[in-house]
């Protein structure tokens, strides 16, 4: 299977993450629409993501993708890494994505988020490298903490893509409000990037109840509670959480 996307490079490749976030989320939405999932399910699965992305077409440039999930990964210095994305001049037309199998063996959520992060590199950075005439591109995610990086640069962009692909703002906001109302959480008005004209969760709600909501959301989207917390903050869906 394959996916095809198009985006204006000048917008999507802005060095400032906040300025680029809407364009990155638009690309993520294009990809998410092309990955099958169960009816009424919010979660993408790793097998479905890989099957859909065995070939990618970015702005009419096509690449075949080789995925590796089983082995341990190390960088050129011998350090263990979580994931990598790579192209090589000796294999034109191919890209390679790998996720460290031993590191993610008991963490399907981490394997999924790592794969989505490396896919972000493939969709944004590999085409840019090829357009420059580069014959080699190599990026690694060193650890789970690297998947939370914000700010400038390729790693932050891959993280924003990962977040928006696995937990898009409007579905997250919609499900958050459903849980918030069922649990009696206080709501308020504030700026956000979620469902238009809808309230957000107010500050000062009971921490244990809010923690339960985060756990439920994590289960719904197939990610970790920490992943959900980062997305809520990035989308401005909880008052004062920035």
Protein backbone atom coordinates (compact mmCIF):
# COMPACT_ATOMS: atom_id res chain seq x y z
CA UNK A 1 0.00 0.00 0.00
CA UNK A 2 1.03 3.63 -0.29
CA UNK A 3 0.08 7.13 0.78
CA UNK A 4 0.25 10.35 -1.20
CA UNK A 5 0.45 13.84 0.24
CA UNK A 6 1.13 17.36 -0.95
CA UNK A 7 2.12 20.44 0.98
CA UNK A 8 3.62 23.89 0.36
CA UNK A 9 7.24 23.40 1.37
CA UNK A 10 7.83 27.00 2.43
CA UNK A 11 5.07 26.79 5.04
CA UNK A 12 5.63 23.25 6.27
CA UNK A 13 9.37 23.65 6.57
CA UNK A 14 9.35 26.89 8.55
CA UNK A 15 12.16 26.88 11.15
CA UNK A 16 9.72 28.04 13.83
CA UNK A 17 7.60 25.17 15.10
CA UNK A 18 4.70 27.33 16.26
CA UNK A 19 4.48 29.04 12.88
CA UNK A 20 4.71 25.72 11.06
CA UNK A 21 2.35 23.76 13.34
CA UNK A 22 -0.84 24.35 11.29
CA UNK A 23 0.90 23.18 8.09
CA UNK A 24 2.40 20.17 9.87
CA UNK A 25 -1.00 19.22 11.29
CA UNK A 26 -2.54 19.51 7.81
CA UNK A 27 0.01 17.02 6.48
CA UNK A 28 -0.67 14.71 9.45
CA UNK A 29 -4.40 14.87 8.70
CA UNK A 30 -3.74 13.88 5.07
CA UNK A 31 -1.75 10.87 6.21
CA UNK A 32 -4.22 9.85 8.93
CA UNK A 33 -7.09 9.75 6.41
CA UNK A 34 -5.15 7.17 4.38
CA UNK A 35 -4.41 4.76 7.25
CA UNK A 36 -7.23 2.27 7.86
CA UNK A 37 -8.56 1.83 11.39
CA UNK A 38 -11.46 0.04 13.01
CA UNK A 39 -14.87 1.71 12.78
CA UNK A 40 -15.46 4.12 15.68
CA UNK A 41 -11.83 3.70 16.82
CA UNK A 42 -9.65 6.75 17.43
CA UNK A 43 -6.41 4.76 17.61
CA UNK A 44 -4.05 4.03 14.76
CA UNK A 45 -2.21 0.73 15.02
CA UNK A 46 1.41 0.12 14.12
CA UNK A 47 0.65 -2.65 11.58
CA UNK A 48 -1.88 -0.41 9.81
CA UNK A 49 0.56 2.51 9.73
CA UNK A 50 3.34 0.37 8.28
CA UNK A 51 1.10 -1.33 5.72
CA UNK A 52 -0.19 2.04 4.51
CA UNK A 53 3.30 3.53 4.31
CA UNK A 54 5.27 0.92 2.40
CA UNK A 55 5.52 3.58 -0.28
CA UNK A 56 5.03 7.33 0.00
CA UNK A 57 4.50 10.05 -2.55
CA UNK A 58 5.36 13.57 -1.40
CA UNK A 59 4.60 16.39 -3.81
CA UNK A 60 4.69 13.81 -6.63
CA UNK A 61 8.05 12.38 -5.53
CA UNK A 62 7.75 8.66 -4.81
CA UNK A 63 9.81 6.57 -2.38
CA UNK A 64 9.54 2.93 -1.38
CA UNK A 65 9.95 2.35 2.35
CA UNK A 66 11.66 -0.55 4.12
CA UNK A 67 10.51 -1.00 7.75
CA UNK A 68 12.51 -2.80 10.45
CA UNK A 69 11.03 -3.42 13.91
CA UNK A 70 12.85 -6.34 15.45
CA UNK A 71 16.47 -5.57 16.10
CA UNK A 72 18.44 -3.38 18.49
CA UNK A 73 19.62 -0.09 16.99
CA UNK A 74 22.84 1.83 17.54
CA UNK A 75 24.19 5.06 16.12
CA UNK A 76 27.60 5.52 14.51
CA UNK A 77 29.14 5.93 17.97
CA UNK A 78 27.71 2.65 19.27
CA UNK A 79 25.04 4.29 21.43
CA UNK A 80 21.62 2.66 21.64
CA UNK A 81 18.92 4.65 19.86
CA UNK A 82 15.15 4.35 19.76
CA UNK A 83 14.52 4.85 16.05
CA UNK A 84 16.04 6.03 12.81
CA UNK A 85 15.26 7.21 9.30
CA UNK A 86 17.83 6.79 6.55
CA UNK A 87 18.43 7.06 2.81
CA UNK A 88 21.53 5.92 0.95
CA UNK A 89 22.92 6.79 -2.47
CA UNK A 90 23.44 3.08 -3.17
CA UNK A 91 19.67 2.46 -2.99
CA UNK A 92 18.02 5.29 -4.94
CA UNK A 93 14.26 5.50 -4.56
CA UNK A 94 14.30 3.74 -1.18
CA UNK A 95 14.08 4.95 2.41
CA UNK A 96 14.65 2.94 5.57
CA UNK A 97 12.79 3.36 8.88
CA UNK A 98 13.64 1.32 11.95
CA UNK A 99 12.27 1.08 15.50
CA UNK A 100 14.36 -0.48 18.26
CA UNK A 101 12.63 -3.81 18.96
CA UNK A 102 14.13 -4.60 22.38
CA UNK A 103 13.48 -1.06 23.67
CA UNK A 104 9.82 -1.14 22.63
CA UNK A 105 9.02 -4.84 23.16
CA UNK A 106 6.71 -4.16 26.11
CA UNK A 107 5.64 -0.68 25.00
CA UNK A 108 3.41 -0.86 21.90
CA UNK A 109 2.56 2.81 22.43
CA UNK A 110 6.26 3.72 22.28
CA UNK A 111 6.81 1.64 19.14
CA UNK A 112 3.86 3.40 17.49
CA UNK A 113 4.98 6.90 18.46
CA UNK A 114 8.57 6.20 17.36
CA UNK A 115 7.38 4.93 13.98
CA UNK A 116 5.21 8.04 13.56
CA UNK A 117 8.14 10.30 14.50
CA UNK A 118 10.44 8.68 11.95
CA UNK A 119 7.68 8.86 9.34
CA UNK A 120 7.65 12.61 9.95
CA UNK A 121 11.35 12.73 9.03
CA UNK A 122 10.61 10.73 5.90
CA UNK A 123 7.80 13.02 4.76
CA UNK A 124 9.47 16.36 5.51
CA UNK A 125 13.24 15.97 5.65
CA UNK A 126 14.01 13.28 3.08
CA UNK A 127 12.32 15.15 0.18
CA UNK A 128 14.11 18.33 1.23
CA UNK A 129 17.45 16.49 1.28
CA UNK A 130 16.83 14.99 -2.15
CA UNK A 131 15.83 18.40 -3.53
CA UNK A 132 19.19 19.76 -2.35
CA UNK A 133 20.94 16.97 -4.20
CA UNK A 134 22.02 15.19 -1.02
CA UNK A 135 22.67 11.50 -1.53
CA UNK A 136 22.58 10.67 2.17
CA UNK A 137 20.17 11.48 4.98
CA UNK A 138 20.27 10.04 8.48
CA UNK A 139 18.25 10.95 11.59
CA UNK A 140 17.94 9.17 14.91
CA UNK A 141 15.64 9.45 17.93
CA UNK A 142 17.95 8.83 20.86
CA UNK A 143 15.38 8.07 23.58
CA UNK A 144 11.69 8.43 24.53
CA UNK A 145 12.50 11.91 25.86
CA UNK A 146 13.51 12.95 22.33
CA UNK A 147 9.90 12.41 21.25
CA UNK A 148 8.82 15.38 23.39
CA UNK A 149 11.23 17.95 21.97
CA UNK A 150 9.69 21.28 21.00
CA UNK A 151 11.08 24.47 19.51
CA UNK A 152 13.01 24.65 16.26
CA UNK A 153 14.37 22.15 13.81
CA UNK A 154 13.69 18.79 12.27
CA UNK A 155 13.21 16.86 15.53
CA UNK A 156 10.57 19.27 16.80
CA UNK A 157 8.81 19.13 13.43
CA UNK A 158 8.81 15.31 13.44
CA UNK A 159 7.36 15.38 16.96
CA UNK A 160 4.57 17.76 15.98
CA UNK A 161 3.73 15.53 13.03
CA UNK A 162 3.77 12.45 15.29
CA UNK A 163 1.48 14.11 17.81
CA UNK A 164 -1.04 15.36 15.27
CA UNK A 165 -1.06 12.05 13.39
CA UNK A 166 -1.77 9.88 16.44
CA UNK A 167 -3.83 12.37 18.47
CA UNK A 168 -5.38 15.08 16.26
CA UNK A 169 -6.66 18.22 18.01
CA UNK A 170 -10.37 18.09 17.17
CA UNK A 171 -10.98 14.39 18.04
CA UNK A 172 -8.95 14.84 21.24
CA UNK A 173 -10.93 17.92 22.23
CA UNK A 174 -14.24 16.22 21.48
CA UNK A 175 -13.43 13.15 23.56
CA UNK A 176 -11.91 15.28 26.35
CA UNK A 177 -15.13 17.27 26.68
CA UNK A 178 -17.22 14.09 26.81
CA UNK A 179 -15.13 12.77 29.71
CA UNK A 180 -14.97 16.16 31.41
CA UNK A 181 -18.74 16.50 31.45
CA UNK A 182 -19.32 12.93 32.62
CA UNK A 183 -16.83 13.50 35.48
CA UNK A 184 -18.17 16.93 36.39
CA UNK A 185 -14.96 18.81 35.59
CA UNK A 186 -15.20 22.59 35.43
CA UNK A 187 -14.88 24.13 31.99
CA UNK A 188 -13.95 27.62 30.86
CA UNK A 189 -13.32 29.67 27.75
CA UNK A 190 -9.86 30.21 26.37
CA UNK A 191 -7.77 30.14 23.17
CA UNK A 192 -7.09 26.68 21.77
CA UNK A 193 -6.52 24.72 18.57
CA UNK A 194 -9.26 22.16 19.13
CA UNK A 195 -12.95 22.06 18.26
CA UNK A 196 -14.09 25.55 17.24
CA UNK A 197 -16.20 27.55 19.73
CA UNK A 198 -15.97 24.83 22.40
CA UNK A 199 -14.74 25.32 26.00
CA UNK A 200 -11.58 23.90 27.53
CA UNK A 201 -10.95 22.24 30.89
CA UNK A 202 -10.50 24.84 33.62
CA UNK A 203 -7.53 24.95 35.98
CA UNK A 204 -8.01 23.70 39.54
CA UNK A 205 -9.98 20.51 38.88
CA UNK A 206 -9.24 17.54 41.18
CA UNK A 207 -5.90 16.06 40.05
CA UNK A 208 -7.02 12.47 40.56
CA UNK A 209 -10.10 12.94 38.39
CA UNK A 210 -8.06 14.67 35.69
CA UNK A 211 -5.51 11.84 35.83
CA UNK A 212 -8.32 9.36 35.22
CA UNK A 213 -9.45 11.32 32.19
CA UNK A 214 -5.90 11.30 30.81
CA UNK A 215 -5.70 7.54 31.30
CA UNK A 216 -8.99 7.05 29.47
CA UNK A 217 -7.84 9.27 26.60
CA UNK A 218 -4.56 7.36 26.37
CA UNK A 219 -6.48 4.14 26.00
CA UNK A 220 -8.76 5.62 23.35
CA UNK A 221 -5.86 6.83 21.17
CA UNK A 222 -3.43 3.98 21.87
CA UNK A 223 -0.70 6.21 23.31
CA UNK A 224 0.74 6.92 26.75
CA UNK A 225 -0.73 9.27 29.35
CA UNK A 226 2.36 11.45 28.98
CA UNK A 227 1.71 11.64 25.22
CA UNK A 228 -1.84 12.85 25.91
CA UNK A 229 -0.59 15.42 28.43
CA UNK A 230 1.81 16.88 25.85
CA UNK A 231 -0.94 17.06 23.23
CA UNK A 232 -3.36 18.76 25.61
CA UNK A 233 -0.70 21.35 26.32
CA UNK A 234 0.24 21.85 22.68
CA UNK A 235 -3.41 22.34 21.70
CA UNK A 236 -4.24 24.54 24.71
CA UNK A 237 -7.07 22.30 25.90
CA UNK A 238 -6.44 22.68 29.64
CA UNK A 239 -6.38 26.16 31.16
CA UNK A 240 -2.90 27.33 32.14
CA UNK A 241 -1.24 24.18 30.76
CA UNK A 242 1.32 25.60 28.39
